[in-house]
All heavy atoms as atom14 arrays in JSON, in Angstrom:
{
  "sequence": "ARLESLRKAGRPVFVYFTADWCLTCKVNEKAAIETDTTRAAFAA",
  "atom14_mask": [
    [1, 1, 1, 1, 1, 0, 0, 0, 0, 0, 0, 0, 0, 0],
    [1, 1, 1, 1, 1, 1, 1, 1, 1, 1, 1, 0, 0, 0],
    [1, 1, 1, 1, 1, 1, 1, 1, 0, 0, 0, 0, 0, 0],
    [1, 1, 1, 1, 1, 1, 1, 1, 1, 0, 0, 0, 0, 0],
    [1, 1, 1, 1, 1, 1, 0, 0, 0, 0, 0, 0, 0, 0],
    [1, 1, 1, 1, 1, 1, 1, 1, 0, 0, 0, 0, 0, 0],
    [1, 1, 1, 1, 1, 1, 1, 1, 1, 1, 1, 0, 0, 0],
    [1, 1, 1, 1, 1, 1, 1, 1, 1, 0, 0, 0, 0, 0],
    [1, 1, 1, 1, 1, 0, 0, 0, 0, 0, 0, 0, 0, 0],
    [1, 1, 1, 1, 0, 0, 0, 0, 0, 0, 0, 0, 0, 0],
    [1, 1, 1, 1, 1, 1, 1, 1, 1, 1, 1, 0, 0, 0],
    [1, 1, 1, 1, 1, 1, 1, 0, 0, 0, 0, 0, 0, 0],
    [1, 1, 1, 1, 1, 1, 1, 0, 0, 0, 0, 0, 0, 0],
    [1, 1, 1, 1, 1, 1, 1, 1, 1, 1, 1, 0, 0, 0],
    [1, 1, 1, 1, 1, 1, 1, 0, 0, 0, 0, 0, 0, 0],
    [1, 1, 1, 1, 1, 1, 1, 1, 1, 1, 1, 1, 0, 0],
    [1, 1, 1, 1, 1, 1, 1, 1, 1, 1, 1, 0, 0, 0],
    [1, 1, 1, 1, 1, 1, 1, 0, 0, 0, 0, 0, 0, 0],
    [1, 1, 1, 1, 1, 0, 0, 0, 0, 0, 0, 0, 0, 0],
    [1, 1, 1, 1, 1, 1, 1, 1, 0, 0, 0, 0, 0, 0],
    [1, 1, 1, 1, 1, 1, 1, 1, 1, 1, 1, 1, 1, 1],
    [1, 1, 1, 1, 1, 1, 0, 0, 0, 0, 0, 0, 0, 0],
    [1, 1, 1, 1, 1, 1, 1, 1, 0, 0, 0, 0, 0, 0],
    [1, 1, 1, 1, 1, 1, 1, 0, 0, 0, 0, 0, 0, 0],
    [1, 1, 1, 1, 1, 1, 0, 0, 0, 0, 0, 0, 0, 0],
    [1, 1, 1, 1, 1, 1, 1, 1, 1, 0, 0, 0, 0, 0],
    [1, 1, 1, 1, 1, 1, 1, 0, 0, 0, 0, 0, 0, 0],
    [1, 1, 1, 1, 1, 1, 1, 1, 0, 0, 0, 0, 0, 0],
    [1, 1, 1, 1, 1, 1, 1, 1, 1, 0, 0, 0, 0, 0],
    [1, 1, 1, 1, 1, 1, 1, 1, 1, 0, 0, 0, 0, 0],
    [1, 1, 1, 1, 1, 0, 0, 0, 0, 0, 0, 0, 0, 0],
    [1, 1, 1, 1, 1, 0, 0, 0, 0, 0, 0, 0, 0, 0],
    [1, 1, 1, 1, 1, 1, 1, 1, 0, 0, 0, 0, 0, 0],
    [1, 1, 1, 1, 1, 1, 1, 1, 1, 0, 0, 0, 0, 0],
    [1, 1, 1, 1, 1, 1, 1, 0, 0, 0, 0, 0, 0, 0],
    [1, 1, 1, 1, 1, 1, 1, 1, 0, 0, 0, 0, 0, 0],
    [1, 1, 1, 1, 1, 1, 1, 0, 0, 0, 0, 0, 0, 0],
    [1, 1, 1, 1, 1, 1, 1, 0, 0, 0, 0, 0, 0, 0],
    [1, 1, 1, 1, 1, 1, 1, 1, 1, 1, 1, 0, 0, 0],
    [1, 1, 1, 1, 1, 0, 0, 0, 0, 0, 0, 0, 0, 0],
    [1, 1, 1, 1, 1, 0, 0, 0, 0, 0, 0, 0, 0, 0],
    [1, 1, 1, 1, 1, 1, 1, 1, 1, 1, 1, 0, 0, 0],
    [1, 1, 1, 1, 1, 0, 0, 0, 0, 0, 0, 0, 0, 0],
    [1, 1, 1, 1, 1, 0, 0, 0, 0, 0, 0, 0, 0, 0]
  ],
  "atom14_positions": [
    [[-12.22, 1.26, 10.21], [-12.36, 2.58, 10.86], [-11.28, 3.54, 10.4], [-11.57, 4.72, 10.11], [-12.3, 2.42, 12.38], [0.0, 0.0, 0.0], [0.0, 0.0, 0.0], [0.0, 0.0, 0.0], [0.0, 0.0, 0.0], [0.0, 0.0, 0.0], [0.0, 0.0, 0.0], [0.0, 0.0, 0.0], [0.0, 0.0, 0.0], [0.0, 0.0, 0.0]],
    [[-10.04, 3.06, 10.27], [-8.96, 3.92, 9.81], [-9.16, 4.32, 8.35], [-8.94, 5.48, 7.98], [-7.6, 3.23, 10.0], [-6.43, 4.1, 9.62], [-6.33, 5.32, 10.52], [-5.15, 6.09, 10.15], [-5.13, 7.41, 10.12], [-6.19, 8.12, 10.49], [-4.02, 8.03, 9.78], [0.0, 0.0, 0.0], [0.0, 0.0, 0.0], [0.0, 0.0, 0.0]],
    [[-9.59, 3.37, 7.54], [-9.88, 3.68, 6.14], [-10.95, 4.75, 6.04], [-10.79, 5.73, 5.3], [-10.32, 2.41, 5.4], [-10.8, 2.6, 3.94], [-9.69, 3.2, 3.07], [-11.29, 1.27, 3.39], [0.0, 0.0, 0.0], [0.0, 0.0, 0.0], [0.0, 0.0, 0.0], [0.0, 0.0, 0.0], [0.0, 0.0, 0.0], [0.0, 0.0, 0.0]],
    [[-12.0, 4.6, 6.8], [-13.1, 5.6, 6.78], [-12.6, 6.96, 7.25], [-12.94, 7.98, 6.64], [-14.24, 5.12, 7.68], [-15.43, 6.05, 7.69], [-16.56, 5.56, 8.59], [-16.64, 4.33, 8.83], [-17.34, 6.41, 9.03], [0.0, 0.0, 0.0], [0.0, 0.0, 0.0], [0.0, 0.0, 0.0], [0.0, 0.0, 0.0], [0.0, 0.0, 0.0]],
    [[-11.78, 6.99, 8.28], [-11.23, 8.23, 8.79], [-10.39, 8.96, 7.73], [-10.52, 10.17, 7.53], [-10.41, 7.95, 10.05], [-9.71, 9.09, 10.46], [0.0, 0.0, 0.0], [0.0, 0.0, 0.0], [0.0, 0.0, 0.0], [0.0, 0.0, 0.0], [0.0, 0.0, 0.0], [0.0, 0.0, 0.0], [0.0, 0.0, 0.0], [0.0, 0.0, 0.0]],
    [[-9.52, 8.22, 7.09], [-8.66, 8.81, 6.06], [-9.49, 9.33, 4.88], [-9.22, 10.4, 4.35], [-7.63, 7.8, 5.57], [-6.52, 7.44, 6.57], [-5.81, 6.16, 6.19], [-5.55, 8.61, 6.71], [0.0, 0.0, 0.0], [0.0, 0.0, 0.0], [0.0, 0.0, 0.0], [0.0, 0.0, 0.0], [0.0, 0.0, 0.0], [0.0, 0.0, 0.0]],
    [[-10.5, 8.56, 4.49], [-11.34, 8.99, 3.36], [-12.14, 10.24, 3.73], [-12.29, 11.14, 2.91], [-12.26, 7.84, 2.95], [-11.42, 6.69, 2.35], [-12.2, 5.7, 1.61], [-12.7, 6.31, 0.37], [-13.77, 5.92, -0.26], [-14.49, 4.93, 0.2], [-14.15, 6.51, -1.38], [0.0, 0.0, 0.0], [0.0, 0.0, 0.0], [0.0, 0.0, 0.0]],
    [[-12.65, 10.3, 4.95], [-13.39, 11.5, 5.4], [-12.49, 12.73, 5.41], [-12.95, 13.84, 5.2], [-14.01, 11.28, 6.77], [-15.26, 10.44, 6.73], [-15.9, 10.31, 8.1], [-17.17, 9.49, 8.02], [-17.76, 9.29, 9.34], [0.0, 0.0, 0.0], [0.0, 0.0, 0.0], [0.0, 0.0, 0.0], [0.0, 0.0, 0.0], [0.0, 0.0, 0.0]],
    [[-11.2, 12.5, 5.67], [-10.23, 13.6, 5.7], [-9.82, 14.01, 4.28], [-9.07, 14.98, 4.11], [-9.01, 13.2, 6.51], [0.0, 0.0, 0.0], [0.0, 0.0, 0.0], [0.0, 0.0, 0.0], [0.0, 0.0, 0.0], [0.0, 0.0, 0.0], [0.0, 0.0, 0.0], [0.0, 0.0, 0.0], [0.0, 0.0, 0.0], [0.0, 0.0, 0.0]],
    [[-10.3, 13.28, 3.27], [-9.98, 13.65, 1.89], [-8.64, 13.14, 1.4], [-8.15, 13.59, 0.35], [0.0, 0.0, 0.0], [0.0, 0.0, 0.0], [0.0, 0.0, 0.0], [0.0, 0.0, 0.0], [0.0, 0.0, 0.0], [0.0, 0.0, 0.0], [0.0, 0.0, 0.0], [0.0, 0.0, 0.0], [0.0, 0.0, 0.0], [0.0, 0.0, 0.0]],
    [[-8.03, 12.2, 2.13], [-6.72, 11.67, 1.72], [-6.9, 10.52, 0.76], [-7.79, 9.68, 0.92], [-5.96, 11.13, 2.93], [-5.52, 12.22, 3.84], [-4.13, 12.24, 4.31], [-3.06, 11.46, 3.82], [-2.23, 10.8, 4.61], [-2.39, 10.78, 5.92], [-1.21, 10.15, 4.09], [0.0, 0.0, 0.0], [0.0, 0.0, 0.0], [0.0, 0.0, 0.0]],
    [[-6.05, 10.45, -0.25], [-6.04, 9.23, -1.08], [-5.47, 8.09, -0.24], [-4.59, 8.32, 0.61], [-5.1, 9.61, -2.24], [-4.31, 10.75, -1.76], [-5.09, 11.45, -0.69], [0.0, 0.0, 0.0], [0.0, 0.0, 0.0], [0.0, 0.0, 0.0], [0.0, 0.0, 0.0], [0.0, 0.0, 0.0], [0.0, 0.0, 0.0], [0.0, 0.0, 0.0]],
    [[-5.98, 6.91, -0.49], [-5.55, 5.75, 0.32], [-5.29, 4.56, -0.6], [-6.11, 4.24, -1.47], [-6.62, 5.36, 1.36], [-6.14, 4.21, 2.23], [-7.06, 6.53, 2.21], [0.0, 0.0, 0.0], [0.0, 0.0, 0.0], [0.0, 0.0, 0.0], [0.0, 0.0, 0.0], [0.0, 0.0, 0.0], [0.0, 0.0, 0.0], [0.0, 0.0, 0.0]],
    [[-4.14, 3.92, -0.4], [-3.83, 2.66, -1.05], [-3.87, 1.58, 0.02], [-3.21, 1.69, 1.05], [-2.44, 2.71, -1.69], [-2.03, 1.41, -2.31], [-2.64, 0.97, -3.48], [-1.02, 0.65, -1.75], [-2.25, -0.24, -4.07], [-0.63, -0.55, -2.35], [-1.25, -1.01, -3.51], [0.0, 0.0, 0.0], [0.0, 0.0, 0.0], [0.0, 0.0, 0.0]],
    [[-4.72, 0.58, -0.19], [-4.87, -0.51, 0.75], [-4.42, -1.79, 0.06], [-4.85, -2.05, -1.08], [-6.33, -0.69, 1.21], [-6.46, -1.83, 2.21], [-6.88, 0.61, 1.78], [0.0, 0.0, 0.0], [0.0, 0.0, 0.0], [0.0, 0.0, 0.0], [0.0, 0.0, 0.0], [0.0, 0.0, 0.0], [0.0, 0.0, 0.0], [0.0, 0.0, 0.0]],
    [[-3.58, -2.55, 0.7], [-3.29, -3.88, 0.15], [-3.38, -4.93, 1.21], [-3.02, -4.74, 2.35], [-1.98, -3.9, -0.63], [-0.68, -3.75, 0.11], [0.08, -4.86, 0.49], [-0.16, -2.48, 0.38], [1.31, -4.72, 1.12], [1.08, -2.34, 1.0], [1.79, -3.45, 1.38], [3.0, -3.31, 2.0], [0.0, 0.0, 0.0], [0.0, 0.0, 0.0]],
    [[-3.95, -6.06, 0.79], [-4.12, -7.21, 1.65], [-3.1, -8.27, 1.24], [-2.97, -8.57, 0.06], [-5.54, -7.75, 1.54], [-6.56, -6.79, 2.1], [-7.11, -5.81, 1.31], [-6.93, -6.86, 3.44], [-8.01, -4.89, 1.81], [-7.84, -5.96, 3.96], [-8.39, -4.98, 3.15], [0.0, 0.0, 0.0], [0.0, 0.0, 0.0], [0.0, 0.0, 0.0]],
    [[-2.43, -8.82, 2.21], [-1.33, -9.72, 1.99], [-1.37, -10.82, 3.05], [-2.16, -10.78, 3.98], [-0.01, -8.96, 2.05], [1.08, -9.83, 1.7], [0.24, -8.32, 3.38], [0.0, 0.0, 0.0], [0.0, 0.0, 0.0], [0.0, 0.0, 0.0], [0.0, 0.0, 0.0], [0.0, 0.0, 0.0], [0.0, 0.0, 0.0], [0.0, 0.0, 0.0]],
    [[-0.5, -11.79, 2.92], [-0.32, -12.83, 3.93], [1.1, -13.37, 3.8], [1.67, -13.42, 2.71], [-1.32, -13.97, 3.71], [0.0, 0.0, 0.0], [0.0, 0.0, 0.0], [0.0, 0.0, 0.0], [0.0, 0.0, 0.0], [0.0, 0.0, 0.0], [0.0, 0.0, 0.0], [0.0, 0.0, 0.0], [0.0, 0.0, 0.0], [0.0, 0.0, 0.0]],
    [[1.67, -13.74, 4.92], [3.06, -14.24, 4.93], [3.21, -15.47, 4.06], [4.27, -15.73, 3.51], [3.54, -14.55, 6.34], [3.87, -13.29, 7.13], [3.9, -12.2, 6.52], [4.11, -13.42, 8.35], [0.0, 0.0, 0.0], [0.0, 0.0, 0.0], [0.0, 0.0, 0.0], [0.0, 0.0, 0.0], [0.0, 0.0, 0.0], [0.0, 0.0, 0.0]],
    [[2.18, -16.28, 3.95], [2.24, -17.52, 3.17], [1.95, -17.31, 1.68], [2.02, -18.25, 0.88], [1.28, -18.56, 3.73], [-0.07, -18.02, 4.06], [-0.53, -17.67, 5.31], [-1.16, -17.74, 3.16], [-1.82, -17.21, 5.22], [-2.23, -17.24, 3.91], [-1.32, -17.87, 1.8], [-3.44, -16.85, 3.35], [-2.52, -17.48, 1.22], [-3.58, -16.99, 2.0]],
    [[1.62, -16.08, 1.28], [1.24, -15.79, -0.11], [2.46, -15.37, -0.93], [2.91, -14.22, -0.83], [0.17, -14.71, -0.14], [-0.26, -14.14, -1.79], [0.0, 0.0, 0.0], [0.0, 0.0, 0.0], [0.0, 0.0, 0.0], [0.0, 0.0, 0.0], [0.0, 0.0, 0.0], [0.0, 0.0, 0.0], [0.0, 0.0, 0.0], [0.0, 0.0, 0.0]],
    [[2.99, -16.28, -1.74], [4.17, -15.99, -2.53], [3.92, -14.85, -3.51], [4.75, -13.94, -3.64], [4.64, -17.23, -3.29], [5.89, -17.09, -4.14], [7.06, -16.65, -3.27], [6.2, -18.37, -4.85], [0.0, 0.0, 0.0], [0.0, 0.0, 0.0], [0.0, 0.0, 0.0], [0.0, 0.0, 0.0], [0.0, 0.0, 0.0], [0.0, 0.0, 0.0]],
    [[2.77, -14.84, -4.16], [2.45, -13.76, -5.11], [2.45, -12.42, -4.39], [2.99, -11.44, -4.92], [1.07, -14.01, -5.75], [1.1, -15.26, -6.41], [0.72, -12.89, -6.72], [0.0, 0.0, 0.0], [0.0, 0.0, 0.0], [0.0, 0.0, 0.0], [0.0, 0.0, 0.0], [0.0, 0.0, 0.0], [0.0, 0.0, 0.0], [0.0, 0.0, 0.0]],
    [[1.89, -12.37, -3.2], [1.86, -11.12, -2.43], [3.27, -10.62, -2.17], [3.58, -9.42, -2.36], [1.16, -11.34, -1.09], [-0.54, -11.9, -1.15], [0.0, 0.0, 0.0], [0.0, 0.0, 0.0], [0.0, 0.0, 0.0], [0.0, 0.0, 0.0], [0.0, 0.0, 0.0], [0.0, 0.0, 0.0], [0.0, 0.0, 0.0], [0.0, 0.0, 0.0]],
    [[4.13, -11.52, -1.69], [5.49, -11.12, -1.32], [6.29, -10.65, -2.53], [7.06, -9.68, -2.43], [6.2, -12.26, -0.58], [5.53, -12.6, 0.73], [5.47, -11.39, 1.62], [4.49, -11.53, 2.76], [4.21, -10.28, 3.44], [0.0, 0.0, 0.0], [0.0, 0.0, 0.0], [0.0, 0.0, 0.0], [0.0, 0.0, 0.0], [0.0, 0.0, 0.0]],
    [[6.13, -11.32, -3.65], [6.84, -10.91, -4.86], [6.34, -9.53, -5.3], [7.13, -8.64, -5.62], [6.67, -11.95, -5.99], [7.18, -11.41, -7.31], [7.4, -13.23, -5.63], [0.0, 0.0, 0.0], [0.0, 0.0, 0.0], [0.0, 0.0, 0.0], [0.0, 0.0, 0.0], [0.0, 0.0, 0.0], [0.0, 0.0, 0.0], [0.0, 0.0, 0.0]],
    [[5.02, -9.32, -5.31], [4.46, -8.03, -5.69], [4.95, -6.91, -4.76], [5.27, -5.79, -5.19], [2.94, -8.06, -5.7], [2.37, -8.9, -6.81], [3.07, -9.28, -7.75], [1.11, -9.22, -6.7], [0.0, 0.0, 0.0], [0.0, 0.0, 0.0], [0.0, 0.0, 0.0], [0.0, 0.0, 0.0], [0.0, 0.0, 0.0], [0.0, 0.0, 0.0]],
    [[5.0, -7.2, -3.47], [5.46, -6.19, -2.5], [6.91, -5.79, -2.78], [7.22, -4.59, -2.84], [5.32, -6.74, -1.07], [3.89, -6.83, -0.62], [3.69, -7.73, 0.58], [4.65, -7.95, 1.35], [2.56, -8.24, 0.73], [0.0, 0.0, 0.0], [0.0, 0.0, 0.0], [0.0, 0.0, 0.0], [0.0, 0.0, 0.0], [0.0, 0.0, 0.0]],
    [[7.76, -6.76, -2.98], [9.19, -6.46, -3.2], [9.43, -5.83, -4.56], [10.3, -4.98, -4.71], [10.04, -7.72, -3.05], [10.01, -8.31, -1.67], [10.47, -7.35, -0.62], [10.36, -7.95, 0.76], [10.25, -6.97, 1.83], [0.0, 0.0, 0.0], [0.0, 0.0, 0.0], [0.0, 0.0, 0.0], [0.0, 0.0, 0.0], [0.0, 0.0, 0.0]],
    [[8.67, -6.23, -5.57], [8.89, -5.73, -6.92], [8.22, -4.42, -7.22], [8.71, -3.64, -8.06], [8.42, -6.79, -7.93], [0.0, 0.0, 0.0], [0.0, 0.0, 0.0], [0.0, 0.0, 0.0], [0.0, 0.0, 0.0], [0.0, 0.0, 0.0], [0.0, 0.0, 0.0], [0.0, 0.0, 0.0], [0.0, 0.0, 0.0], [0.0, 0.0, 0.0]],
    [[7.1, -4.11, -6.57], [6.33, -2.94, -6.96], [5.89, -2.03, -5.83], [5.89, -0.81, -5.99], [5.09, -3.37, -7.75], [0.0, 0.0, 0.0], [0.0, 0.0, 0.0], [0.0, 0.0, 0.0], [0.0, 0.0, 0.0], [0.0, 0.0, 0.0], [0.0, 0.0, 0.0], [0.0, 0.0, 0.0], [0.0, 0.0, 0.0], [0.0, 0.0, 0.0]],
    [[5.52, -2.57, -4.71], [4.93, -1.75, -3.65], [5.97, -1.17, -2.72], [5.99, 0.03, -2.44], [3.88, -2.56, -2.86], [2.74, -3.0, -3.78], [3.32, -1.72, -1.69], [1.78, -3.98, -3.16], [0.0, 0.0, 0.0], [0.0, 0.0, 0.0], [0.0, 0.0, 0.0], [0.0, 0.0, 0.0], [0.0, 0.0, 0.0], [0.0, 0.0, 0.0]],
    [[6.86, -1.99, -2.23], [7.86, -1.55, -1.25], [9.14, -1.1, -1.93], [10.26, -1.5, -1.57], [8.11, -2.67, -0.24], [6.88, -2.99, 0.57], [7.04, -4.22, 1.43], [8.14, -4.81, 1.46], [6.06, -4.61, 2.09], [0.0, 0.0, 0.0], [0.0, 0.0, 0.0], [0.0, 0.0, 0.0], [0.0, 0.0, 0.0], [0.0, 0.0, 0.0]],
    [[9.01, -0.24, -2.93], [10.17, 0.3, -3.64], [10.31, 1.79, -3.34], [9.34, 2.45, -2.96], [10.05, 0.1, -5.17], [8.98, 0.92, -5.64], [9.79, -1.37, -5.53], [0.0, 0.0, 0.0], [0.0, 0.0, 0.0], [0.0, 0.0, 0.0], [0.0, 0.0, 0.0], [0.0, 0.0, 0.0], [0.0, 0.0, 0.0], [0.0, 0.0, 0.0]],
    [[11.5, 2.3, -3.53], [11.73, 3.72, -3.31], [10.86, 4.57, -4.24], [10.34, 5.62, -3.82], [13.19, 4.08, -3.53], [14.1, 3.49, -2.45], [13.59, 3.16, -1.35], [15.31, 3.35, -2.69], [0.0, 0.0, 0.0], [0.0, 0.0, 0.0], [0.0, 0.0, 0.0], [0.0, 0.0, 0.0], [0.0, 0.0, 0.0], [0.0, 0.0, 0.0]],
    [[10.68, 4.14, -5.47], [9.88, 4.89, -6.44], [8.42, 4.98, -5.98], [7.81, 6.05, -6.04], [9.95, 4.23, -7.85], [11.33, 4.17, -8.23], [9.16, 4.98, -8.86], [0.0, 0.0, 0.0], [0.0, 0.0, 0.0], [0.0, 0.0, 0.0], [0.0, 0.0, 0.0], [0.0, 0.0, 0.0], [0.0, 0.0, 0.0], [0.0, 0.0, 0.0]],
    [[7.87, 3.86, -5.55], [6.47, 3.85, -5.09], [6.33, 4.68, -3.82], [5.39, 5.48, -3.69], [6.0, 2.41, -4.86], [6.11, 1.69, -6.08], [4.55, 2.38, -4.38], [0.0, 0.0, 0.0], [0.0, 0.0, 0.0], [0.0, 0.0, 0.0], [0.0, 0.0, 0.0], [0.0, 0.0, 0.0], [0.0, 0.0, 0.0], [0.0, 0.0, 0.0]],
    [[7.25, 4.5, -2.88], [7.18, 5.3, -1.65], [7.24, 6.8, -1.96], [6.5, 7.6, -1.38], [8.33, 4.92, -0.73], [8.13, 3.62, 0.0], [9.24, 3.44, 1.07], [9.24, 2.06, 1.5], [10.11, 1.13, 1.07], [11.06, 1.46, 0.22], [10.04, -0.08, 1.51], [0.0, 0.0, 0.0], [0.0, 0.0, 0.0], [0.0, 0.0, 0.0]],
    [[8.1, 7.19, -2.89], [8.22, 8.6, -3.25], [6.94, 9.1, -3.89], [6.5, 10.23, -3.61], [9.42, 8.8, -4.18], [0.0, 0.0, 0.0], [0.0, 0.0, 0.0], [0.0, 0.0, 0.0], [0.0, 0.0, 0.0], [0.0, 0.0, 0.0], [0.0, 0.0, 0.0], [0.0, 0.0, 0.0], [0.0, 0.0, 0.0], [0.0, 0.0, 0.0]],
    [[6.34, 8.32, -4.76], [5.09, 8.73, -5.41], [3.98, 8.87, -4.37], [3.21, 9.84, -4.42], [4.7, 7.72, -6.48], [0.0, 0.0, 0.0], [0.0, 0.0, 0.0], [0.0, 0.0, 0.0], [0.0, 0.0, 0.0], [0.0, 0.0, 0.0], [0.0, 0.0, 0.0], [0.0, 0.0, 0.0], [0.0, 0.0, 0.0], [0.0, 0.0, 0.0]],
    [[3.88, 7.91, -3.45], [2.87, 8.01, -2.4], [3.1, 9.26, -1.55], [2.16, 9.99, -1.21], [2.87, 6.75, -1.52], [2.24, 5.54, -2.17], [2.48, 4.29, -1.63], [1.4, 5.62, -3.28], [1.9, 3.15, -2.2], [0.83, 4.52, -3.84], [1.07, 3.27, -3.3], [0.0, 0.0, 0.0], [0.0, 0.0, 0.0], [0.0, 0.0, 0.0]],
    [[4.35, 9.51, -1.19], [4.67, 10.7, -0.36], [4.36, 11.98, -1.11], [3.77, 12.91, -0.54], [6.13, 10.66, 0.06], [0.0, 0.0, 0.0], [0.0, 0.0, 0.0], [0.0, 0.0, 0.0], [0.0, 0.0, 0.0], [0.0, 0.0, 0.0], [0.0, 0.0, 0.0], [0.0, 0.0, 0.0], [0.0, 0.0, 0.0], [0.0, 0.0, 0.0]],
    [[4.71, 12.05, -2.38], [4.46, 13.25, -3.17], [2.98, 13.58, -3.32], [2.61, 14.74, -3.46], [5.08, 13.09, -4.57], [0.0, 0.0, 0.0], [0.0, 0.0, 0.0], [0.0, 0.0, 0.0], [0.0, 0.0, 0.0], [0.0, 0.0, 0.0], [0.0, 0.0, 0.0], [0.0, 0.0, 0.0], [0.0, 0.0, 0.0], [0.0, 0.0, 0.0]]
  ]
}
């Protein structure tokens, strides 16, 4: 529902699916997603 709402509003959306037990997920989050550079690009 939230994804649909954001898309109807014309906002770009990045969705990622993760799990606490997923080592690949956690490494990707720390190395690429949850970085200052990525946050700044998303905000901009």
